[in-house]
Amino acid sequence: DDVICVSELKLGFIAQSCLAPGFSTILANLFAMRSFKTAPDMPVWQNDYLCGTGMEMYTEYLSTAFENMTFAEAAELCFLKLKLLLIAIEISSKSGENGSNILINPRSNLVKIQAKTQGFFMAQSADEVKR
């Protein structure tokens, strides 16, 4: 069993939002898991926001087409061609070490996607991610 201190969690979200604006909003929306209804009389930004609140996080192994791409290249391809939001990848630890590391939006061009890299996606359904 693990103990979670809600106050510490809240302060951590606030601190992360200082470093990455919108971080706490994304997490709050993930935890709330709301359904949405768009309306033609609403501003476009509000319809987009409501659509985003209905998304959940899914994982799926990236296809071999992504091998040797940087995270930025893969995320751009996923967004423009597949309409998916790739937010993180799980990579195996260096040779000789057990385990893996989850990299959230890695900026380094040194991180290349390898075979059997797992992606973390924001999407409306698991079926969207599996295609």
C-alpha atoms as a PDB file:
ATOM      1  CA  ASP A   1       0.000   0.000   0.000  1.00  0.00           C
ATOM      2  CA  ASP A   2       1.072   3.543  -0.699  1.00  0.00           C
ATOM      3  CA  VAL A   3       0.148   6.727   1.106  1.00  0.00           C
ATOM      4  CA  ILE A   4      -0.690   9.800  -0.952  1.00  0.00           C
ATOM      5  CA  CYS A   5      -0.604  13.213   0.672  1.00  0.00           C
ATOM      6  CA  VAL A   6      -3.246  15.266  -1.142  1.00  0.00           C
ATOM      7  CA  SER A   7      -1.749  18.591  -0.026  1.00  0.00           C
ATOM      8  CA  GLU A   8       1.668  17.603  -1.352  1.00  0.00           C
ATOM      9  CA  LEU A   9       0.089  16.431  -4.599  1.00  0.00           C
ATOM     10  CA  LYS A  10      -1.745  19.756  -5.036  1.00  0.00           C
ATOM     11  CA  LEU A  11       1.413  21.759  -4.366  1.00  0.00           C
ATOM     12  CA  GLY A  12       3.318  19.572  -6.816  1.00  0.00           C
ATOM     13  CA  PHE A  13       0.697  20.275  -9.501  1.00  0.00           C
ATOM     14  CA  ILE A  14       0.973  24.003  -8.858  1.00  0.00           C
ATOM     15  CA  ALA A  15       4.771  23.838  -9.076  1.00  0.00           C
ATOM     16  CA  GLN A  16       4.642  21.858 -12.325  1.00  0.00           C
ATOM     17  CA  SER A  17       2.182  24.368 -13.771  1.00  0.00           C
ATOM     18  CA  CYS A  18       4.765  27.094 -13.208  1.00  0.00           C
ATOM     19  CA  LEU A  19       7.216  25.096 -15.314  1.00  0.00           C
ATOM     20  CA  ALA A  20       4.674  23.852 -17.863  1.00  0.00           C
ATOM     21  CA  PRO A  21       1.579  26.078 -18.108  1.00  0.00           C
ATOM     22  CA  GLY A  22      -1.575  23.998 -18.483  1.00  0.00           C
ATOM     23  CA  PHE A  23      -0.123  20.916 -16.758  1.00  0.00           C
ATOM     24  CA  SER A  24      -2.561  21.016 -13.835  1.00  0.00           C
ATOM     25  CA  THR A  25      -5.502  21.581 -16.193  1.00  0.00           C
ATOM     26  CA  ILE A  26      -4.615  18.499 -18.243  1.00  0.00           C
ATOM     27  CA  LEU A  27      -4.293  16.357 -15.113  1.00  0.00           C
ATOM     28  CA  ALA A  28      -7.539  17.677 -13.643  1.00  0.00           C
ATOM     29  CA  ASN A  29      -9.336  16.868 -16.893  1.00  0.00           C
ATOM     30  CA  LEU A  30      -7.793  13.384 -16.996  1.00  0.00           C
ATOM     31  CA  PHE A  31      -8.938  12.617 -13.464  1.00  0.00           C
ATOM     32  CA  ALA A  32     -12.455  14.028 -14.003  1.00  0.00           C
ATOM     33  CA  MET A  33     -13.142  12.037 -17.223  1.00  0.00           C
ATOM     34  CA  ARG A  34     -16.044  14.171 -18.436  1.00  0.00           C
ATOM     35  CA  SER A  35     -18.195  13.668 -21.474  1.00  0.00           C
ATOM     36  CA  PHE A  36     -18.750  16.646 -23.734  1.00  0.00           C
ATOM     37  CA  LYS A  37     -21.293  18.172 -26.062  1.00  0.00           C
ATOM     38  CA  THR A  38     -20.228  20.770 -28.572  1.00  0.00           C
ATOM     39  CA  ALA A  39     -22.581  23.436 -29.867  1.00  0.00           C
ATOM     40  CA  PRO A  40     -22.446  25.571 -33.004  1.00  0.00           C
ATOM     41  CA  ASP A  41     -23.153  28.741 -31.002  1.00  0.00           C
ATOM     42  CA  MET A  42     -20.089  28.233 -28.756  1.00  0.00           C
ATOM     43  CA  PRO A  43     -16.726  29.775 -29.620  1.00  0.00           C
ATOM     44  CA  VAL A  44     -14.340  27.402 -31.425  1.00  0.00           C
ATOM     45  CA  TRP A  45     -11.863  27.411 -28.522  1.00  0.00           C
ATOM     46  CA  GLN A  46     -14.598  26.312 -26.113  1.00  0.00           C
ATOM     47  CA  ASN A  47     -15.673  23.426 -28.361  1.00  0.00           C
ATOM     48  CA  ASP A  48     -12.010  22.386 -28.671  1.00  0.00           C
ATOM     49  CA  TYR A  49     -11.551  22.560 -24.889  1.00  0.00           C
ATOM     50  CA  LEU A  50     -14.694  20.503 -24.233  1.00  0.00           C
ATOM     51  CA  CYS A  51     -13.556  17.930 -26.785  1.00  0.00           C
ATOM     52  CA  GLY A  52     -10.241  17.687 -24.921  1.00  0.00           C
ATOM     53  CA  THR A  53     -11.934  17.114 -21.566  1.00  0.00           C
ATOM     54  CA  GLY A  54     -13.411  13.887 -22.924  1.00  0.00           C
ATOM     55  CA  MET A  55     -10.001  12.394 -23.714  1.00  0.00           C
ATOM     56  CA  GLU A  56      -8.245   9.679 -21.750  1.00  0.00           C
ATOM     57  CA  MET A  57      -4.692   8.348 -21.688  1.00  0.00           C
ATOM     58  CA  TYR A  58      -3.869   5.164 -23.587  1.00  0.00           C
ATOM     59  CA  THR A  59      -0.668   3.257 -24.277  1.00  0.00           C
ATOM     60  CA  GLU A  60       0.296   1.416 -27.430  1.00  0.00           C
ATOM     61  CA  TYR A  61       3.529   0.172 -28.965  1.00  0.00           C
ATOM     62  CA  LEU A  62       4.679   2.391 -31.823  1.00  0.00           C
ATOM     63  CA  SER A  63       4.945   0.771 -35.242  1.00  0.00           C
ATOM     64  CA  THR A  64       8.290   0.206 -36.928  1.00  0.00           C
ATOM     65  CA  ALA A  65       7.577   3.250 -39.132  1.00  0.00           C
ATOM     66  CA  PHE A  66       8.537   5.424 -36.135  1.00  0.00           C
ATOM     67  CA  GLU A  67      11.969   3.838 -35.592  1.00  0.00           C
ATOM     68  CA  ASN A  68      14.892   6.304 -35.515  1.00  0.00           C
ATOM     69  CA  MET A  69      12.563   9.316 -35.322  1.00  0.00           C
ATOM     70  CA  THR A  70      12.960  11.860 -32.553  1.00  0.00           C
ATOM     71  CA  PHE A  71      10.039  12.281 -30.181  1.00  0.00           C
ATOM     72  CA  ALA A  72       9.217  15.644 -31.790  1.00  0.00           C
ATOM     73  CA  GLU A  73       9.079  14.083 -35.265  1.00  0.00           C
ATOM     74  CA  ALA A  74       6.886  11.220 -34.049  1.00  0.00           C
ATOM     75  CA  ALA A  75       4.562  13.552 -32.122  1.00  0.00           C
ATOM     76  CA  GLU A  76       4.186  15.810 -35.156  1.00  0.00           C
ATOM     77  CA  LEU A  77       3.402  12.849 -37.424  1.00  0.00           C
ATOM     78  CA  CYS A  78       0.877  11.458 -34.931  1.00  0.00           C
ATOM     79  CA  PHE A  79      -0.863  14.808 -34.614  1.00  0.00           C
ATOM     80  CA  LEU A  80      -0.948  15.834 -38.271  1.00  0.00           C
ATOM     81  CA  LYS A  81      -1.590  12.472 -39.926  1.00  0.00           C
ATOM     82  CA  LEU A  82      -3.321  10.389 -37.243  1.00  0.00           C
ATOM     83  CA  LYS A  83      -5.003  13.125 -35.147  1.00  0.00           C
ATOM     84  CA  LEU A  84      -3.434  11.635 -31.999  1.00  0.00           C
ATOM     85  CA  LEU A  85      -1.601  13.445 -29.227  1.00  0.00           C
ATOM     86  CA  LEU A  86       1.611  11.601 -28.306  1.00  0.00           C
ATOM     87  CA  ILE A  87       2.710  12.933 -24.914  1.00  0.00           C
ATOM     88  CA  ALA A  88       5.371  10.477 -23.716  1.00  0.00           C
ATOM     89  CA  ILE A  89       7.369   7.367 -24.574  1.00  0.00           C
ATOM     90  CA  GLU A  90       8.734   4.497 -22.517  1.00  0.00           C
ATOM     91  CA  ILE A  91      12.270   3.494 -23.385  1.00  0.00           C
ATOM     92  CA  SER A  92      14.327   0.570 -22.129  1.00  0.00           C
ATOM     93  CA  SER A  93      17.157   1.342 -19.762  1.00  0.00           C
ATOM     94  CA  LYS A  94      20.704   1.217 -21.085  1.00  0.00           C
ATOM     95  CA  SER A  95      22.098  -2.216 -21.874  1.00  0.00           C
ATOM     96  CA  GLY A  96      22.931  -4.202 -18.786  1.00  0.00           C
ATOM     97  CA  GLU A  97      20.283  -2.431 -16.679  1.00  0.00           C
ATOM     98  CA  ASN A  98      16.818  -3.740 -15.917  1.00  0.00           C
ATOM     99  CA  GLY A  99      13.704  -1.642 -16.250  1.00  0.00           C
ATOM    100  CA  SER A 100      12.665   1.307 -18.327  1.00  0.00           C
ATOM    101  CA  ASN A 101      12.156   5.056 -18.179  1.00  0.00           C
ATOM    102  CA  ILE A 102       9.128   7.109 -19.128  1.00  0.00           C
ATOM    103  CA  LEU A 103      10.072  10.324 -20.899  1.00  0.00           C
ATOM    104  CA  ILE A 104       7.388  13.005 -20.992  1.00  0.00           C
ATOM    105  CA  ASN A 105       7.796  15.243 -24.040  1.00  0.00           C
ATOM    106  CA  PRO A 106      11.565  14.671 -24.308  1.00  0.00           C
ATOM    107  CA  ARG A 107      13.195  17.642 -26.036  1.00  0.00           C
ATOM    108  CA  SER A 108      16.514  16.014 -26.750  1.00  0.00           C
ATOM    109  CA  ASN A 109      17.256  15.100 -30.353  1.00  0.00           C
ATOM    110  CA  LEU A 110      19.484  12.369 -28.917  1.00  0.00           C
ATOM    111  CA  VAL A 111      16.441  10.317 -27.887  1.00  0.00           C
ATOM    112  CA  LYS A 112      15.484   8.197 -30.888  1.00  0.00           C
ATOM    113  CA  ILE A 113      12.526   5.860 -30.984  1.00  0.00           C
ATOM    114  CA  GLN A 114      13.604   2.229 -31.076  1.00  0.00           C
ATOM    115  CA  ALA A 115      11.741  -0.999 -31.824  1.00  0.00           C
ATOM    116  CA  LYS A 116       9.048  -1.862 -29.276  1.00  0.00           C
ATOM    117  CA  THR A 117       8.856   1.666 -27.860  1.00  0.00           C
ATOM    118  CA  GLN A 118       5.622   2.230 -26.020  1.00  0.00           C
ATOM    119  CA  GLY A 119       3.814   5.516 -26.625  1.00  0.00           C
ATOM    120  CA  PHE A 120       1.474   7.340 -24.257  1.00  0.00           C
ATOM    121  CA  PHE A 121      -1.411   8.988 -26.095  1.00  0.00           C
ATOM    122  CA  MET A 122      -4.310  11.290 -25.311  1.00  0.00           C
ATOM    123  CA  ALA A 123      -7.330  10.125 -27.318  1.00  0.00           C
ATOM    124  CA  GLN A 124     -11.104   9.681 -27.203  1.00  0.00           C
ATOM    125  CA  SER A 125     -10.851   5.872 -27.300  1.00  0.00           C
ATOM    126  CA  ALA A 126      -8.410   2.973 -27.356  1.00  0.00           C
ATOM    127  CA  ASP A 127      -9.553   2.153 -30.895  1.00  0.00           C
ATOM    128  CA  GLU A 128      -8.232   5.515 -32.121  1.00  0.00           C
ATOM    129  CA  VAL A 129      -4.788   4.687 -30.743  1.00  0.00           C
ATOM    130  CA  LYS A 130      -4.690   1.128 -32.106  1.00  0.00           C
ATOM    131  CA  ARG A 131      -5.249   2.048 -35.749  1.00  0.00           C
END
